[in-house]
């Protein structure tokens, strides 16, 4: 066997292997398995296929999205980045919201009392809360971008099956 024929045989085996990896399952067509976002009233879900079968509800923390967790390497990498960023961003946003509520309660109590000037700690608490909110929202936006890319790679792998 010449070097050229060995090269082409190796290339053929690699192509067939890649196609087998992309084939999620013979019954999993693009129409049945593709993921998309569906907006609801004050909610957003990830649904699958033309029948819009619910897969996950998106909220403050990252849900477990089984099709993305078990997909190819690129999809899983973006999905894991989404989970990390979403959980971190959700936590920071929650802490910022708690700090904002605490600031409001302290300010309200000072307004009811005879003291018109709240202590400096209240302003530090307000600043910290705002900082947590801004960083948290930024993390959540980055998480959404990672989720969009994971869905894009997942759906792209389904097109390769057809």
N, C-alpha and C. Protein backbone atom coordinates (compact mmCIF):
# COMPACT_ATOMS: atom_id res chain seq x y z
N UNK A 1 0.85 -1.17 0.00
CA UNK A 1 0.00 0.00 0.00
C UNK A 1 0.90 1.24 0.00
N UNK A 2 0.60 2.14 -0.90
CA UNK A 2 1.39 3.35 -1.00
C UNK A 2 1.01 4.33 0.09
N UNK A 3 1.84 5.34 0.25
CA UNK A 3 1.55 6.37 1.24
C UNK A 3 0.27 7.11 0.89
N UNK A 4 0.07 7.37 -0.37
CA UNK A 4 -1.12 8.10 -0.81
C UNK A 4 -2.39 7.32 -0.49
N UNK A 5 -2.42 6.02 -0.79
CA UNK A 5 -3.63 5.24 -0.52
C UNK A 5 -3.84 5.08 0.99
N UNK A 6 -2.77 4.98 1.77
CA UNK A 6 -2.90 4.91 3.22
C UNK A 6 -3.47 6.21 3.77
N UNK A 7 -3.03 7.34 3.22
CA UNK A 7 -3.54 8.64 3.63
C UNK A 7 -5.03 8.74 3.35
N UNK A 8 -5.45 8.34 2.14
CA UNK A 8 -6.87 8.44 1.78
C UNK A 8 -7.72 7.46 2.60
N UNK A 9 -7.19 6.30 2.90
CA UNK A 9 -7.91 5.34 3.74
C UNK A 9 -8.10 5.91 5.15
N UNK A 10 -7.05 6.51 5.70
CA UNK A 10 -7.14 7.14 7.02
C UNK A 10 -8.14 8.28 7.02
N UNK A 11 -8.10 9.09 5.98
CA UNK A 11 -9.03 10.21 5.85
C UNK A 11 -10.48 9.71 5.77
N UNK A 12 -10.72 8.66 5.03
CA UNK A 12 -12.06 8.09 4.90
C UNK A 12 -12.57 7.57 6.25
N UNK A 13 -11.71 6.90 7.00
CA UNK A 13 -12.10 6.39 8.31
C UNK A 13 -12.45 7.55 9.25
N UNK A 14 -11.67 8.63 9.22
CA UNK A 14 -11.95 9.78 10.08
C UNK A 14 -13.26 10.44 9.71
N UNK A 15 -13.54 10.57 8.43
CA UNK A 15 -14.80 11.18 7.99
C UNK A 15 -15.98 10.34 8.45
N UNK A 16 -15.90 9.05 8.30
CA UNK A 16 -16.99 8.17 8.73
C UNK A 16 -17.17 8.21 10.24
N UNK A 17 -16.08 8.33 10.99
CA UNK A 17 -16.16 8.41 12.44
C UNK A 17 -16.83 9.70 12.87
N UNK A 18 -16.47 10.82 12.25
CA UNK A 18 -17.07 12.11 12.58
C UNK A 18 -18.56 12.08 12.28
N UNK A 19 -18.97 11.50 11.17
CA UNK A 19 -20.40 11.44 10.85
C UNK A 19 -21.13 10.58 11.87
N UNK A 20 -20.52 9.52 12.34
CA UNK A 20 -21.16 8.67 13.35
C UNK A 20 -21.31 9.42 14.67
N UNK A 21 -20.35 10.26 15.02
CA UNK A 21 -20.44 11.05 16.25
C UNK A 21 -21.59 12.04 16.17
N UNK A 22 -21.75 12.70 15.02
CA UNK A 22 -22.80 13.70 14.88
C UNK A 22 -24.19 13.07 14.84
N UNK A 23 -24.29 11.85 14.46
CA UNK A 23 -25.60 11.21 14.39
C UNK A 23 -26.07 10.90 15.80
N UNK A 24 -26.87 11.77 16.37
CA UNK A 24 -27.35 11.62 17.74
C UNK A 24 -28.12 10.32 17.90
N UNK A 25 -29.05 10.10 17.01
CA UNK A 25 -29.82 8.87 16.96
C UNK A 25 -30.55 8.89 15.63
N UNK A 26 -30.80 7.74 15.03
CA UNK A 26 -31.46 7.74 13.73
C UNK A 26 -32.84 8.40 13.77
N UNK A 27 -33.53 8.33 14.90
CA UNK A 27 -34.86 8.91 15.01
C UNK A 27 -34.82 10.40 15.37
N UNK A 28 -33.65 10.93 15.65
CA UNK A 28 -33.54 12.31 16.11
C UNK A 28 -33.28 13.23 14.92
N UNK A 29 -34.32 13.59 14.23
CA UNK A 29 -34.19 14.49 13.09
C UNK A 29 -34.18 15.93 13.59
N UNK A 30 -33.85 16.84 12.69
CA UNK A 30 -33.84 18.26 13.03
C UNK A 30 -35.22 18.71 13.48
N UNK A 31 -36.25 18.25 12.79
CA UNK A 31 -37.63 18.66 13.12
C UNK A 31 -38.06 18.16 14.50
N UNK A 32 -37.53 17.01 14.93
CA UNK A 32 -37.92 16.44 16.22
C UNK A 32 -37.05 16.92 17.37
N UNK A 33 -35.77 17.19 17.10
CA UNK A 33 -34.84 17.40 18.22
C UNK A 33 -34.23 18.79 18.31
N UNK A 34 -34.41 19.64 17.34
CA UNK A 34 -33.80 20.97 17.39
C UNK A 34 -34.35 21.76 18.58
N UNK A 35 -33.48 22.51 19.21
CA UNK A 35 -33.87 23.31 20.37
C UNK A 35 -34.11 24.76 19.95
N UNK A 36 -35.03 25.41 20.66
CA UNK A 36 -35.31 26.83 20.43
C UNK A 36 -35.87 27.45 21.71
N UNK A 37 -35.84 28.77 21.77
CA UNK A 37 -36.35 29.49 22.92
C UNK A 37 -37.81 29.85 22.68
N UNK A 38 -38.61 29.77 23.74
CA UNK A 38 -40.02 30.14 23.65
C UNK A 38 -40.34 31.08 24.80
N UNK A 39 -40.83 32.27 24.45
CA UNK A 39 -41.17 33.26 25.46
C UNK A 39 -42.59 33.03 25.95
N UNK A 40 -42.77 33.18 27.25
CA UNK A 40 -44.09 33.11 27.86
C UNK A 40 -44.34 34.40 28.62
N UNK A 41 -45.41 34.41 29.38
CA UNK A 41 -45.72 35.58 30.19
C UNK A 41 -44.82 35.56 31.42
N UNK A 42 -43.84 36.45 31.48
CA UNK A 42 -42.85 36.52 32.56
C UNK A 42 -42.00 35.27 32.67
N UNK A 43 -41.82 34.54 31.59
CA UNK A 43 -40.98 33.35 31.65
C UNK A 43 -40.40 33.06 30.27
N UNK A 44 -39.39 32.22 30.27
CA UNK A 44 -38.77 31.78 29.02
C UNK A 44 -38.41 30.31 29.18
N UNK A 45 -38.68 29.54 28.14
CA UNK A 45 -38.39 28.11 28.17
C UNK A 45 -37.54 27.74 26.97
N UNK A 46 -36.85 26.63 27.12
CA UNK A 46 -36.16 26.01 26.01
C UNK A 46 -37.03 24.83 25.62
N UNK A 47 -37.44 24.78 24.35
CA UNK A 47 -38.31 23.72 23.87
C UNK A 47 -37.61 22.96 22.75
N UNK A 48 -38.11 21.75 22.49
CA UNK A 48 -37.47 20.89 21.50
C UNK A 48 -38.46 20.49 20.43
N UNK A 49 -38.00 20.61 19.17
CA UNK A 49 -38.76 20.12 18.03
C UNK A 49 -39.94 20.98 17.64
N UNK A 50 -40.58 20.56 16.56
CA UNK A 50 -41.73 21.28 16.04
C UNK A 50 -42.90 21.24 17.02
N UNK A 51 -42.97 20.19 17.83
CA UNK A 51 -44.04 20.06 18.82
C UNK A 51 -43.82 20.94 20.05
N UNK A 52 -42.69 21.61 20.14
CA UNK A 52 -42.34 22.50 21.26
C UNK A 52 -42.44 21.78 22.61
N UNK A 53 -41.82 20.62 22.68
CA UNK A 53 -41.76 19.86 23.93
C UNK A 53 -40.86 20.59 24.92
N UNK A 54 -41.37 20.94 26.11
CA UNK A 54 -40.55 21.67 27.07
C UNK A 54 -39.33 20.86 27.51
N UNK A 55 -38.17 21.52 27.51
CA UNK A 55 -36.93 20.89 27.94
C UNK A 55 -36.48 21.51 29.26
N UNK A 56 -36.54 22.84 29.37
CA UNK A 56 -36.10 23.51 30.60
C UNK A 56 -36.72 24.90 30.68
N UNK A 57 -36.96 25.35 31.91
CA UNK A 57 -37.42 26.71 32.16
C UNK A 57 -36.20 27.51 32.59
N UNK A 58 -36.00 28.66 31.96
CA UNK A 58 -34.85 29.49 32.27
C UNK A 58 -35.21 30.48 33.37
N UNK A 59 -34.34 30.58 34.35
CA UNK A 59 -34.60 31.46 35.47
C UNK A 59 -33.32 32.05 36.02
N UNK A 60 -33.32 32.31 37.32
CA UNK A 60 -32.18 32.95 37.97
C UNK A 60 -30.96 32.04 37.99
N UNK A 61 -31.18 30.73 38.14
CA UNK A 61 -30.08 29.78 38.17
C UNK A 61 -30.20 28.82 36.99
N UNK A 62 -29.08 28.22 36.60
CA UNK A 62 -29.01 27.38 35.41
C UNK A 62 -29.74 26.06 35.63
N UNK A 63 -30.67 25.73 34.72
CA UNK A 63 -31.32 24.43 34.81
C UNK A 63 -30.45 23.34 34.19
N UNK A 64 -30.79 22.10 34.46
CA UNK A 64 -30.12 20.98 33.81
C UNK A 64 -30.80 20.77 32.46
N UNK A 65 -30.04 20.91 31.39
CA UNK A 65 -30.58 20.74 30.04
C UNK A 65 -29.92 19.50 29.46
N UNK A 66 -30.59 18.37 29.58
CA UNK A 66 -30.02 17.07 29.24
C UNK A 66 -29.50 16.97 27.81
N UNK A 67 -30.23 17.45 26.79
CA UNK A 67 -29.69 17.33 25.42
C UNK A 67 -28.35 18.04 25.24
N UNK A 68 -28.15 19.15 25.92
CA UNK A 68 -26.88 19.89 25.80
C UNK A 68 -25.79 19.24 26.64
N UNK A 69 -26.16 18.67 27.77
CA UNK A 69 -25.19 18.05 28.67
C UNK A 69 -24.58 16.79 28.07
N UNK A 70 -25.30 16.14 27.17
CA UNK A 70 -24.82 14.87 26.59
C UNK A 70 -24.44 15.01 25.13
N UNK A 71 -24.35 16.23 24.62
CA UNK A 71 -24.04 16.46 23.20
C UNK A 71 -22.53 16.45 22.97
N UNK A 72 -22.11 16.89 21.78
CA UNK A 72 -20.70 16.90 21.41
C UNK A 72 -19.88 17.88 22.24
N UNK A 73 -18.57 17.84 22.01
CA UNK A 73 -17.62 18.62 22.82
C UNK A 73 -17.89 20.13 22.80
N UNK A 74 -18.09 20.71 21.61
CA UNK A 74 -18.31 22.16 21.52
C UNK A 74 -19.59 22.56 22.24
N UNK A 75 -20.63 21.78 22.04
CA UNK A 75 -21.90 22.06 22.71
C UNK A 75 -21.74 22.00 24.22
N UNK A 76 -21.11 20.93 24.72
CA UNK A 76 -20.93 20.77 26.16
C UNK A 76 -20.06 21.87 26.75
N UNK A 77 -19.04 22.30 26.03
CA UNK A 77 -18.16 23.36 26.54
C UNK A 77 -18.94 24.66 26.73
N UNK A 78 -19.75 25.02 25.75
CA UNK A 78 -20.56 26.25 25.88
C UNK A 78 -21.65 26.08 26.94
N UNK A 79 -22.21 24.87 27.03
CA UNK A 79 -23.24 24.61 28.04
C UNK A 79 -22.65 24.72 29.46
N UNK A 80 -21.46 24.17 29.67
CA UNK A 80 -20.83 24.26 30.98
C UNK A 80 -20.47 25.72 31.33
N UNK A 81 -20.01 26.47 30.32
CA UNK A 81 -19.73 27.89 30.55
C UNK A 81 -21.02 28.63 30.92
N UNK A 82 -22.12 28.28 30.24
CA UNK A 82 -23.42 28.86 30.57
C UNK A 82 -23.79 28.58 32.02
N UNK A 83 -23.66 27.33 32.45
CA UNK A 83 -24.03 26.96 33.82
C UNK A 83 -23.20 27.73 34.85
N UNK A 84 -21.90 27.82 34.61
CA UNK A 84 -21.02 28.53 35.55
C UNK A 84 -21.39 30.01 35.63
N UNK A 85 -21.50 30.65 34.47
CA UNK A 85 -21.81 32.09 34.45
C UNK A 85 -23.22 32.38 34.98
N UNK A 86 -24.19 31.55 34.62
CA UNK A 86 -25.57 31.78 35.06
C UNK A 86 -25.70 31.63 36.57
N UNK A 87 -25.08 30.60 37.13
CA UNK A 87 -25.18 30.41 38.58
C UNK A 87 -24.44 31.51 39.34
N UNK A 88 -23.27 31.91 38.85
CA UNK A 88 -22.54 33.00 39.48
C UNK A 88 -23.33 34.31 39.36
N UNK A 89 -23.82 34.59 38.16
CA UNK A 89 -24.58 35.82 37.94
C UNK A 89 -25.87 35.85 38.74
N UNK A 90 -26.54 34.71 38.83
CA UNK A 90 -27.77 34.64 39.62
C UNK A 90 -27.51 34.89 41.09
N UNK A 91 -26.43 34.33 41.60
CA UNK A 91 -26.07 34.54 43.00
C UNK A 91 -25.74 36.00 43.28
N UNK A 92 -24.93 36.60 42.41
CA UNK A 92 -24.56 38.01 42.60
C UNK A 92 -25.78 38.93 42.49
N UNK A 93 -26.67 38.64 41.55
CA UNK A 93 -27.88 39.44 41.40
C UNK A 93 -28.76 39.32 42.64
N UNK A 94 -28.87 38.11 43.17
CA UNK A 94 -29.66 37.90 44.38
C UNK A 94 -29.06 38.64 45.57
N UNK A 95 -27.74 38.59 45.72
CA UNK A 95 -27.07 39.32 46.81
C UNK A 95 -27.29 40.83 46.64
N UNK A 96 -27.18 41.32 45.41
CA UNK A 96 -27.41 42.74 45.15
C UNK A 96 -28.83 43.16 45.48
N UNK A 97 -29.79 42.31 45.16
CA UNK A 97 -31.19 42.61 45.47
C UNK A 97 -31.42 42.64 46.97
N UNK A 98 -30.83 41.70 47.68
CA UNK A 98 -30.96 41.68 49.15
C UNK A 98 -30.34 42.94 49.75
N UNK A 99 -29.18 43.35 49.23
CA UNK A 99 -28.54 44.58 49.72
C UNK A 99 -29.41 45.80 49.42
N UNK A 100 -30.05 45.83 48.27
CA UNK A 100 -30.93 46.96 47.93
C UNK A 100 -32.14 47.03 48.86
N UNK A 101 -32.72 45.87 49.15
CA UNK A 101 -33.86 45.83 50.08
C UNK A 101 -33.42 46.26 51.47
N UNK A 102 -32.26 45.78 51.92
CA UNK A 102 -31.76 46.17 53.25
C UNK A 102 -31.50 47.67 53.31
N UNK A 103 -30.94 48.22 52.23
CA UNK A 103 -30.69 49.66 52.18
C UNK A 103 -32.01 50.43 52.28
N UNK A 104 -33.00 49.98 51.55
CA UNK A 104 -34.31 50.63 51.59
C UNK A 104 -34.94 50.58 52.97
N UNK A 105 -34.83 49.45 53.64
CA UNK A 105 -35.39 49.32 54.99
C UNK A 105 -34.68 50.23 55.98
N UNK A 106 -33.35 50.30 55.90
CA UNK A 106 -32.59 51.16 56.81
C UNK A 106 -32.91 52.63 56.54
N UNK A 107 -32.97 53.00 55.28
CA UNK A 107 -33.31 54.40 54.96
C UNK A 107 -34.72 54.75 55.42
N UNK A 108 -35.67 53.83 55.27
CA UNK A 108 -37.04 54.09 55.71
C UNK A 108 -37.10 54.28 57.22
N UNK A 109 -36.34 53.48 57.95
CA UNK A 109 -36.36 53.63 59.41
C UNK A 109 -35.72 54.95 59.83
N UNK A 110 -34.69 55.39 59.10
CA UNK A 110 -34.06 56.69 59.42
C UNK A 110 -34.97 57.85 59.08
N UNK A 111 -35.76 57.73 58.05
CA UNK A 111 -36.68 58.80 57.70
C UNK A 111 -37.79 58.93 58.74
N UNK A 112 -38.18 57.82 59.35
CA UNK A 112 -39.21 57.84 60.38
C UNK A 112 -38.67 58.38 61.70
N UNK A 113 -37.37 58.23 61.92
CA UNK A 113 -36.79 58.72 63.17
C UNK A 113 -36.45 60.20 63.03
N UNK A 114 -35.96 60.75 64.07
CA UNK A 114 -35.64 62.17 64.06
C UNK A 114 -34.35 62.47 63.30
N UNK A 115 -33.52 61.45 63.06
CA UNK A 115 -32.25 61.65 62.39
C UNK A 115 -32.46 61.72 60.88
N UNK A 116 -32.05 62.83 60.28
CA UNK A 116 -32.21 63.00 58.83
C UNK A 116 -31.02 62.45 58.05
N UNK A 117 -29.89 62.32 58.71
CA UNK A 117 -28.69 61.84 58.03
C UNK A 117 -28.43 60.38 58.37
N UNK A 118 -28.62 59.48 57.40
CA UNK A 118 -28.32 58.07 57.67
C UNK A 118 -26.81 57.86 57.79
N UNK A 119 -26.40 56.82 58.49
CA UNK A 119 -24.97 56.57 58.66
C UNK A 119 -24.30 56.24 57.32
N UNK A 120 -23.00 56.43 57.26
CA UNK A 120 -22.24 56.19 56.03
C UNK A 120 -22.30 54.73 55.59
N UNK A 121 -22.49 53.83 56.55
CA UNK A 121 -22.57 52.40 56.22
C UNK A 121 -23.73 52.10 55.28
N UNK A 122 -24.80 52.88 55.39
CA UNK A 122 -25.95 52.68 54.51
C UNK A 122 -25.56 52.95 53.06
N UNK A 123 -24.78 53.99 52.84
CA UNK A 123 -24.36 54.33 51.48
C UNK A 123 -23.37 53.29 50.95
N UNK A 124 -22.54 52.76 51.84
CA UNK A 124 -21.63 51.68 51.43
C UNK A 124 -22.43 50.43 51.04
N UNK A 125 -23.47 50.14 51.80
CA UNK A 125 -24.33 49.00 51.50
C UNK A 125 -25.04 49.20 50.16
N UNK A 126 -25.51 50.40 49.91
CA UNK A 126 -26.17 50.69 48.64
C UNK A 126 -25.18 50.55 47.47
N UNK A 127 -23.97 51.05 47.66
CA UNK A 127 -22.96 50.94 46.60
C UNK A 127 -22.56 49.50 46.34
N UNK A 128 -22.42 48.73 47.41
CA UNK A 128 -22.08 47.31 47.26
C UNK A 128 -23.21 46.56 46.56
N UNK A 129 -24.44 46.85 46.95
CA UNK A 129 -25.58 46.20 46.30
C UNK A 129 -25.65 46.52 44.82
N UNK A 130 -25.43 47.77 44.47
CA UNK A 130 -25.45 48.16 43.06
C UNK A 130 -24.33 47.48 42.29
N UNK A 131 -23.16 47.38 42.90
CA UNK A 131 -22.03 46.71 42.26
C UNK A 131 -22.35 45.23 42.01
N UNK A 132 -22.91 44.57 43.02
CA UNK A 132 -23.29 43.15 42.86
C UNK A 132 -24.31 43.00 41.74
N UNK A 133 -25.28 43.89 41.69
CA UNK A 133 -26.31 43.83 40.64
C UNK A 133 -25.69 43.98 39.24
N UNK A 134 -24.82 44.95 39.08
CA UNK A 134 -24.22 45.20 37.77
C UNK A 134 -23.37 44.01 37.33
N UNK A 135 -22.53 43.51 38.22
CA UNK A 135 -21.69 42.36 37.88
C UNK A 135 -22.56 41.13 37.62
N UNK A 136 -23.59 40.93 38.42
CA UNK A 136 -24.47 39.78 38.25
C UNK A 136 -25.20 39.81 36.92
N UNK A 137 -25.73 40.97 36.56
CA UNK A 137 -26.44 41.10 35.28
C UNK A 137 -25.48 40.89 34.11
N UNK A 138 -24.26 41.38 34.23
CA UNK A 138 -23.26 41.16 33.19
C UNK A 138 -22.96 39.68 33.03
N UNK A 139 -22.82 38.96 34.14
CA UNK A 139 -22.57 37.52 34.10
C UNK A 139 -23.74 36.77 33.46
N UNK A 140 -24.96 37.16 33.79
CA UNK A 140 -26.15 36.52 33.21
C UNK A 140 -26.22 36.76 31.71
N UNK A 141 -25.86 37.96 31.27
CA UNK A 141 -25.85 38.24 29.82
C UNK A 141 -24.80 37.39 29.11
N UNK A 142 -23.63 37.23 29.71
CA UNK A 142 -22.61 36.38 29.13
C UNK A 142 -23.06 34.92 29.12
N UNK A 143 -23.77 34.52 30.16
CA UNK A 143 -24.29 33.15 30.23
C UNK A 143 -25.28 32.89 29.10
N UNK A 144 -26.14 33.86 28.83
CA UNK A 144 -27.12 33.71 27.75
C UNK A 144 -26.42 33.55 26.40
N UNK A 145 -25.34 34.29 26.20
CA UNK A 145 -24.58 34.15 24.96
C UNK A 145 -24.01 32.74 24.84
N UNK A 146 -23.49 32.20 25.93
CA UNK A 146 -22.96 30.84 25.92
C UNK A 146 -24.07 29.82 25.65
N UNK A 147 -25.25 30.04 26.21
CA UNK A 147 -26.37 29.13 25.96
C UNK A 147 -26.79 29.19 24.50
N UNK A 148 -26.84 30.38 23.94
CA UNK A 148 -27.17 30.52 22.51
C UNK A 148 -26.18 29.76 21.64
N UNK A 149 -24.90 29.85 21.98
CA UNK A 149 -23.90 29.13 21.20
C UNK A 149 -24.02 27.62 21.37
N UNK A 150 -24.33 27.17 22.58
CA UNK A 150 -24.52 25.73 22.81
C UNK A 150 -25.69 25.21 21.98
N UNK A 151 -26.79 25.95 21.96
CA UNK A 151 -27.95 25.55 21.16
C UNK A 151 -27.60 25.56 19.67
N UNK A 152 -26.83 26.54 19.26
CA UNK A 152 -26.43 26.63 17.85
C UNK A 152 -25.60 25.42 17.44
N UNK A 153 -24.60 25.05 18.26
CA UNK A 153 -23.78 23.87 17.96
C UNK A 153 -24.61 22.60 17.99
N UNK A 154 -25.51 22.49 18.96
CA UNK A 154 -26.36 21.30 19.06
C UNK A 154 -27.23 21.16 17.82
N UNK A 155 -27.91 22.24 17.45
CA UNK A 155 -28.77 22.20 16.26
C UNK A 155 -27.95 21.94 15.00
N UNK A 156 -26.75 22.48 14.93
CA UNK A 156 -25.88 22.25 13.78
C UNK A 156 -25.50 20.78 13.65
N UNK A 157 -25.32 20.10 14.77
CA UNK A 157 -24.99 18.68 14.70
C UNK A 157 -26.18 17.87 14.19
N UNK A 158 -27.39 18.34 14.41
CA UNK A 158 -28.57 17.64 13.90
C UNK A 158 -28.67 17.78 12.39
N UNK A 159 -28.29 18.92 11.86
CA UNK A 159 -28.32 19.12 10.40
C UNK A 159 -27.36 18.15 9.72
N UNK A 160 -26.26 17.81 10.39
CA UNK A 160 -25.27 16.93 9.78
C UNK A 160 -25.82 15.53 9.59
N UNK A 161 -26.86 15.16 10.35
CA UNK A 161 -27.43 13.82 10.26
C UNK A 161 -28.18 13.65 8.95
N UNK A 162 -28.82 14.70 8.48
CA UNK A 162 -29.69 14.56 7.33
C UNK A 162 -28.96 14.40 6.06
